[in-house]
Amino acid sequence: MAELAQYLGTGKRKTSVARVILRPGDGKTWINGRTLEEYFPRAAHRAAALAPFKTASAEGTYDLRVRVHGGGVTGQAGAVRHGIARALVEADPELRVPLKREGFLTRDARQVERKKA
């Protein structure tokens, strides 16, 4: 029996932790057993969570399964984004540079802004 390719990534932001599984597919998204629109009703949270796909030009090429807990909705969206970016790097190591340049591979996206002058 052939193994189904899947890529794992753990994302964290503040107190939120997301376990992400990417499988080649047609872009179905499930977060804690619900669709993306049900889990993140705000468009800003959906866009933030799926931003790594846009940077990697991989929209609609992977099915996404996520288990996320802890924190608030914004923190969970950030954790999902971090987990997706890590899973994409596992799937294709060439994506590390563009994803890192966009800031998706750091634990806190606002880390650069908070540093002292």
Protein backbone atom coordinates (compact mmCIF):
# COMPACT_ATOMS: atom_id res chain seq x y z
CA MET A 1 0.00 0.00 0.00
CA ALA A 2 1.39 3.40 -0.97
CA GLU A 3 1.95 5.95 1.78
CA LEU A 4 -0.10 9.11 1.44
CA ALA A 5 2.24 12.10 1.43
CA GLN A 6 1.58 14.41 4.35
CA TYR A 7 3.52 17.24 5.89
CA LEU A 8 3.33 18.28 9.53
CA GLY A 9 3.96 21.65 11.13
CA THR A 10 3.47 23.00 14.63
CA GLY A 11 2.72 26.68 14.91
CA LYS A 12 2.75 28.84 18.02
CA ARG A 13 1.76 32.38 18.84
CA LYS A 14 1.36 33.75 22.35
CA THR A 15 -0.50 30.91 24.14
CA SER A 16 -2.04 29.36 21.02
CA VAL A 17 -0.70 26.13 19.55
CA ALA A 18 -1.72 24.71 16.15
CA ARG A 19 -0.91 21.26 14.78
CA VAL A 20 -1.13 21.40 10.99
CA ILE A 21 -1.31 18.53 8.50
CA LEU A 22 -0.95 19.29 4.78
CA ARG A 23 -1.82 16.65 2.20
CA PRO A 24 -1.80 17.08 -1.58
CA GLY A 25 -5.39 17.75 -2.61
CA ASP A 26 -7.82 20.33 -3.90
CA GLY A 27 -7.73 22.88 -1.07
CA LYS A 28 -10.22 21.58 1.50
CA THR A 29 -9.70 23.18 4.90
CA TRP A 30 -10.78 21.85 8.30
CA ILE A 31 -9.97 23.54 11.60
CA ASN A 32 -11.04 21.69 14.74
CA GLY A 33 -13.57 19.76 12.65
CA ARG A 34 -15.16 22.87 11.14
CA THR A 35 -14.68 24.65 7.84
CA LEU A 36 -12.42 27.69 7.64
CA GLU A 37 -15.40 30.06 7.28
CA GLU A 38 -17.13 28.58 10.33
CA TYR A 39 -14.03 28.71 12.52
CA PHE A 40 -12.76 32.13 11.44
CA PRO A 41 -15.84 34.22 10.54
CA ARG A 42 -13.72 37.37 10.04
CA ALA A 43 -12.10 37.69 6.64
CA ALA A 44 -8.98 39.23 8.22
CA HIS A 45 -8.36 36.12 10.31
CA ARG A 46 -8.91 33.83 7.30
CA ALA A 47 -6.51 35.91 5.19
CA ALA A 48 -3.88 35.95 7.94
CA ALA A 49 -4.10 32.18 8.46
CA LEU A 50 -3.80 31.33 4.75
CA ALA A 51 -1.17 33.96 3.83
CA PRO A 52 1.73 31.44 3.55
CA PHE A 53 -0.12 29.65 0.72
CA LYS A 54 -0.25 32.90 -1.23
CA THR A 55 3.48 33.57 -0.74
CA ALA A 56 4.32 29.99 -1.77
CA SER A 57 1.90 30.13 -4.76
CA ALA A 58 0.33 26.93 -3.42
CA GLU A 59 -3.31 28.01 -3.06
CA GLY A 60 -5.66 25.10 -3.66
CA THR A 61 -2.91 22.49 -3.96
CA TYR A 62 -3.05 21.09 -0.40
CA ASP A 63 -5.81 19.87 1.87
CA LEU A 64 -5.42 21.38 5.32
CA ARG A 65 -6.29 19.79 8.68
CA VAL A 66 -5.64 21.79 11.83
CA ARG A 67 -6.07 21.20 15.56
CA VAL A 68 -5.65 24.48 17.41
CA HIS A 69 -6.15 25.39 21.06
CA GLY A 70 -5.35 28.11 23.55
CA GLY A 71 -5.46 31.88 23.35
CA GLY A 72 -7.91 34.01 21.42
CA VAL A 73 -9.02 34.02 17.82
CA THR A 74 -6.24 36.32 16.56
CA GLY A 75 -3.56 34.28 18.32
CA GLN A 76 -5.02 31.08 16.89
CA ALA A 77 -4.97 32.54 13.37
CA GLY A 78 -1.30 33.45 13.89
CA ALA A 79 -0.52 29.96 15.18
CA VAL A 80 -2.24 28.39 12.16
CA ARG A 81 -0.21 30.66 9.86
CA HIS A 82 3.03 29.64 11.57
CA GLY A 83 2.12 25.93 11.35
CA ILE A 84 1.20 26.17 7.66
CA ALA A 85 4.50 27.90 6.89
CA ARG A 86 6.48 25.20 8.70
CA ALA A 87 4.57 22.42 6.92
CA LEU A 88 5.17 24.09 3.53
CA VAL A 89 8.91 24.21 4.25
CA GLU A 90 8.79 20.50 5.09
CA ALA A 91 7.00 19.85 1.79
CA ASP A 92 9.41 22.00 -0.25
CA PRO A 93 12.63 23.26 1.41
CA GLU A 94 13.07 25.83 -1.40
CA LEU A 95 10.18 27.82 0.14
CA ARG A 96 12.13 28.56 3.32
CA VAL A 97 13.72 31.77 2.01
CA PRO A 98 10.56 33.47 0.70
CA LEU A 99 8.50 32.44 3.75
CA LYS A 100 11.20 33.61 6.16
CA ARG A 101 11.53 36.90 4.26
CA GLU A 102 7.79 37.51 4.72
CA GLY A 103 8.11 36.75 8.46
CA PHE A 104 5.98 33.60 8.53
CA LEU A 105 8.62 31.41 10.19
CA THR A 106 9.03 33.51 13.33
CA ARG A 107 6.91 32.68 16.33
CA ASP A 108 5.58 36.22 16.68
CA ALA A 109 5.01 38.14 13.47
CA ARG A 110 5.42 41.48 15.25
CA GLN A 111 8.74 40.53 16.83
CA VAL A 112 10.75 42.99 14.72
CA GLU A 113 8.47 45.90 15.61
CA ARG A 114 8.79 45.33 19.35
CA LYS A 115 12.59 45.48 19.56
CA LYS A 116 14.14 48.46 21.28
CA ALA A 117 15.86 51.07 19.15
